[in-house]
Amino acid sequence: MDQQHFIKNIDFAKVLELASLVDYQDGRVVSRTLAQGKPLSLTLFAFDKNEEISSHSAPGDAMVYILDGEAEVTIGNEKFQLKAGETIVMPANIPHGLVANERFKMLLIVVFSLK
């Protein structure tokens, strides 16, 4: 019987550097989904300079952890400058977006209600 895994697209029982699991590509946003569904999604992203995710709202709280580079995060009407090693939480149902001031990589963790 196969063992069930809840995390995908990543090696198990191996020490990894998250930032190395997604590569930059010119003029693109690259993503690698590690888990998706309720109550949680985990996705790695690599943004080329000036690439963005335009303002939108989502039904879950979204935590961004910057792995490399710098990004501008907008939550509601506030703008935040984040660099590698920093994190911010974007509350559910509040418009938010991201833009790459320079190339950056992030881990996005979204937590949804089970209701």
C-alpha atoms as a PDB file:
ATOM      1  CA  MET A   1       0.000   0.000   0.000  1.00  0.00           C
ATOM      2  CA  ASP A   2       1.392   3.389  -0.994  1.00  0.00           C
ATOM      3  CA  GLN A   3       1.965   5.952   1.716  1.00  0.00           C
ATOM      4  CA  GLN A   4      -0.261   9.019   1.327  1.00  0.00           C
ATOM      5  CA  HIS A   5       1.547  12.361   1.007  1.00  0.00           C
ATOM      6  CA  PHE A   6      -0.053  15.747   1.571  1.00  0.00           C
ATOM      7  CA  ILE A   7       2.910  17.788   0.313  1.00  0.00           C
ATOM      8  CA  LYS A   8       3.953  17.380  -3.334  1.00  0.00           C
ATOM      9  CA  ASN A   9       6.628  18.510  -5.796  1.00  0.00           C
ATOM     10  CA  ILE A  10       9.384  18.320  -3.178  1.00  0.00           C
ATOM     11  CA  ASP A  11      11.775  15.625  -1.942  1.00  0.00           C
ATOM     12  CA  PHE A  12      10.980  13.971   1.375  1.00  0.00           C
ATOM     13  CA  ALA A  13      13.514  13.221   4.122  1.00  0.00           C
ATOM     14  CA  LYS A  14      16.115  15.475   2.496  1.00  0.00           C
ATOM     15  CA  VAL A  15      17.548  18.816   3.625  1.00  0.00           C
ATOM     16  CA  LEU A  16      16.553  21.479   1.086  1.00  0.00           C
ATOM     17  CA  GLU A  17      17.006  25.201   0.573  1.00  0.00           C
ATOM     18  CA  LEU A  18      13.539  26.548  -0.317  1.00  0.00           C
ATOM     19  CA  ALA A  19      14.832  29.355  -2.530  1.00  0.00           C
ATOM     20  CA  SER A  20      16.616  26.834  -4.764  1.00  0.00           C
ATOM     21  CA  LEU A  21      13.357  24.995  -5.548  1.00  0.00           C
ATOM     22  CA  VAL A  22      12.057  27.695  -7.899  1.00  0.00           C
ATOM     23  CA  ASP A  23      14.108  29.474 -10.576  1.00  0.00           C
ATOM     24  CA  TYR A  24      13.914  32.994 -11.964  1.00  0.00           C
ATOM     25  CA  GLN A  25      12.821  33.396 -15.585  1.00  0.00           C
ATOM     26  CA  ASP A  26      13.046  36.646 -17.556  1.00  0.00           C
ATOM     27  CA  GLY A  27       9.718  38.480 -17.719  1.00  0.00           C
ATOM     28  CA  ARG A  28       7.826  35.821 -15.772  1.00  0.00           C
ATOM     29  CA  VAL A  29       6.380  34.777 -12.457  1.00  0.00           C
ATOM     30  CA  VAL A  30       7.243  31.128 -11.789  1.00  0.00           C
ATOM     31  CA  SER A  31       5.417  29.055  -9.180  1.00  0.00           C
ATOM     32  CA  ARG A  32       5.769  25.626  -7.614  1.00  0.00           C
ATOM     33  CA  THR A  33       2.804  24.333  -5.632  1.00  0.00           C
ATOM     34  CA  LEU A  34       3.761  22.258  -2.592  1.00  0.00           C
ATOM     35  CA  ALA A  35       0.265  21.764  -1.136  1.00  0.00           C
ATOM     36  CA  GLN A  36      -3.167  22.954  -2.183  1.00  0.00           C
ATOM     37  CA  GLY A  37      -6.584  22.622  -0.614  1.00  0.00           C
ATOM     38  CA  LYS A  38      -8.401  23.321   2.607  1.00  0.00           C
ATOM     39  CA  PRO A  39      -7.284  24.245   5.146  1.00  0.00           C
ATOM     40  CA  LEU A  40      -3.880  25.192   3.662  1.00  0.00           C
ATOM     41  CA  SER A  41      -1.948  25.949   0.496  1.00  0.00           C
ATOM     42  CA  LEU A  42       1.830  26.298   0.164  1.00  0.00           C
ATOM     43  CA  THR A  43       3.373  27.767  -2.990  1.00  0.00           C
ATOM     44  CA  LEU A  44       6.882  28.924  -3.870  1.00  0.00           C
ATOM     45  CA  PHE A  45       7.186  31.848  -6.294  1.00  0.00           C
ATOM     46  CA  ALA A  46      10.024  33.507  -8.224  1.00  0.00           C
ATOM     47  CA  PHE A  47       9.253  36.951  -9.694  1.00  0.00           C
ATOM     48  CA  ASP A  48      11.367  38.702 -12.291  1.00  0.00           C
ATOM     49  CA  LYS A  49      11.883  42.446 -11.716  1.00  0.00           C
ATOM     50  CA  ASN A  50       8.692  44.502 -12.269  1.00  0.00           C
ATOM     51  CA  GLU A  51       6.457  41.412 -12.393  1.00  0.00           C
ATOM     52  CA  GLU A  52       3.427  41.483 -10.119  1.00  0.00           C
ATOM     53  CA  ILE A  53       0.262  39.908  -8.822  1.00  0.00           C
ATOM     54  CA  SER A  54      -2.364  42.613  -9.193  1.00  0.00           C
ATOM     55  CA  SER A  55      -4.634  43.579  -6.334  1.00  0.00           C
ATOM     56  CA  HIS A  56      -7.208  40.941  -5.440  1.00  0.00           C
ATOM     57  CA  SER A  57      -8.848  39.506  -2.337  1.00  0.00           C
ATOM     58  CA  ALA A  58      -8.906  35.901  -1.190  1.00  0.00           C
ATOM     59  CA  PRO A  59     -11.018  33.906   1.263  1.00  0.00           C
ATOM     60  CA  GLY A  60      -8.001  32.887   3.402  1.00  0.00           C
ATOM     61  CA  ASP A  61      -5.294  34.631   5.428  1.00  0.00           C
ATOM     62  CA  ALA A  62      -2.142  34.737   3.291  1.00  0.00           C
ATOM     63  CA  MET A  63       1.351  34.877   4.786  1.00  0.00           C
ATOM     64  CA  VAL A  64       4.253  35.854   2.524  1.00  0.00           C
ATOM     65  CA  TYR A  65       7.815  34.978   3.543  1.00  0.00           C
ATOM     66  CA  ILE A  66      10.493  36.597   1.361  1.00  0.00           C
ATOM     67  CA  LEU A  67      13.283  34.107   0.575  1.00  0.00           C
ATOM     68  CA  ASP A  68      15.392  36.304  -1.731  1.00  0.00           C
ATOM     69  CA  GLY A  69      15.313  39.855  -3.099  1.00  0.00           C
ATOM     70  CA  GLU A  70      12.778  42.584  -2.337  1.00  0.00           C
ATOM     71  CA  ALA A  71       9.083  43.170  -2.956  1.00  0.00           C
ATOM     72  CA  GLU A  72       6.435  45.788  -2.386  1.00  0.00           C
ATOM     73  CA  VAL A  73       3.289  44.371  -0.808  1.00  0.00           C
ATOM     74  CA  THR A  74       0.045  46.345  -0.792  1.00  0.00           C
ATOM     75  CA  ILE A  75      -2.662  45.521   1.743  1.00  0.00           C
ATOM     76  CA  GLY A  76      -5.741  47.700   1.439  1.00  0.00           C
ATOM     77  CA  ASN A  77      -4.296  51.213   0.968  1.00  0.00           C
ATOM     78  CA  GLU A  78      -0.980  50.516   2.760  1.00  0.00           C
ATOM     79  CA  LYS A  79       2.303  49.692   1.032  1.00  0.00           C
ATOM     80  CA  PHE A  80       5.069  47.670   2.695  1.00  0.00           C
ATOM     81  CA  GLN A  81       8.654  47.083   1.543  1.00  0.00           C
ATOM     82  CA  LEU A  82       9.892  43.587   2.371  1.00  0.00           C
ATOM     83  CA  LYS A  83      13.287  41.987   1.932  1.00  0.00           C
ATOM     84  CA  ALA A  84      14.726  38.490   2.366  1.00  0.00           C
ATOM     85  CA  GLY A  85      13.977  37.065   5.792  1.00  0.00           C
ATOM     86  CA  GLU A  86      10.868  39.198   6.365  1.00  0.00           C
ATOM     87  CA  THR A  87       7.225  38.169   6.412  1.00  0.00           C
ATOM     88  CA  ILE A  88       3.797  39.800   6.362  1.00  0.00           C
ATOM     89  CA  VAL A  89       0.238  38.511   6.703  1.00  0.00           C
ATOM     90  CA  MET A  90      -2.445  39.664   4.284  1.00  0.00           C
ATOM     91  CA  PRO A  91      -5.857  39.223   5.964  1.00  0.00           C
ATOM     92  CA  ALA A  92      -8.661  37.325   4.275  1.00  0.00           C
ATOM     93  CA  ASN A  93     -11.094  39.352   2.149  1.00  0.00           C
ATOM     94  CA  ILE A  94      -8.877  42.495   2.120  1.00  0.00           C
ATOM     95  CA  PRO A  95      -7.488  43.518  -1.305  1.00  0.00           C
ATOM     96  CA  HIS A  96      -3.758  42.849  -1.594  1.00  0.00           C
ATOM     97  CA  GLY A  97      -1.092  42.621  -4.280  1.00  0.00           C
ATOM     98  CA  LEU A  98       2.670  42.295  -4.826  1.00  0.00           C
ATOM     99  CA  VAL A  99       5.221  43.849  -7.160  1.00  0.00           C
ATOM    100  CA  ALA A 100       8.885  42.915  -7.611  1.00  0.00           C
ATOM    101  CA  ASN A 101      11.102  45.959  -6.971  1.00  0.00           C
ATOM    102  CA  GLU A 102      13.874  43.573  -7.982  1.00  0.00           C
ATOM    103  CA  ARG A 103      13.837  39.846  -8.567  1.00  0.00           C
ATOM    104  CA  PHE A 104      12.457  38.083  -5.517  1.00  0.00           C
ATOM    105  CA  LYS A 105      11.374  34.670  -4.295  1.00  0.00           C
ATOM    106  CA  MET A 106       8.714  33.973  -1.707  1.00  0.00           C
ATOM    107  CA  LEU A 107       6.883  31.221   0.096  1.00  0.00           C
ATOM    108  CA  LEU A 108       3.139  31.875   0.167  1.00  0.00           C
ATOM    109  CA  ILE A 109       1.123  30.156   2.889  1.00  0.00           C
ATOM    110  CA  VAL A 110      -2.656  30.557   2.711  1.00  0.00           C
ATOM    111  CA  VAL A 111      -4.845  29.289   5.556  1.00  0.00           C
ATOM    112  CA  PHE A 112      -8.557  28.824   4.883  1.00  0.00           C
ATOM    113  CA  SER A 113     -11.526  28.294   7.164  1.00  0.00           C
ATOM    114  CA  LEU A 114     -12.762  24.734   7.459  1.00  0.00           C
ATOM    115  CA  LYS A 115     -16.371  25.969   7.731  1.00  0.00           C
END
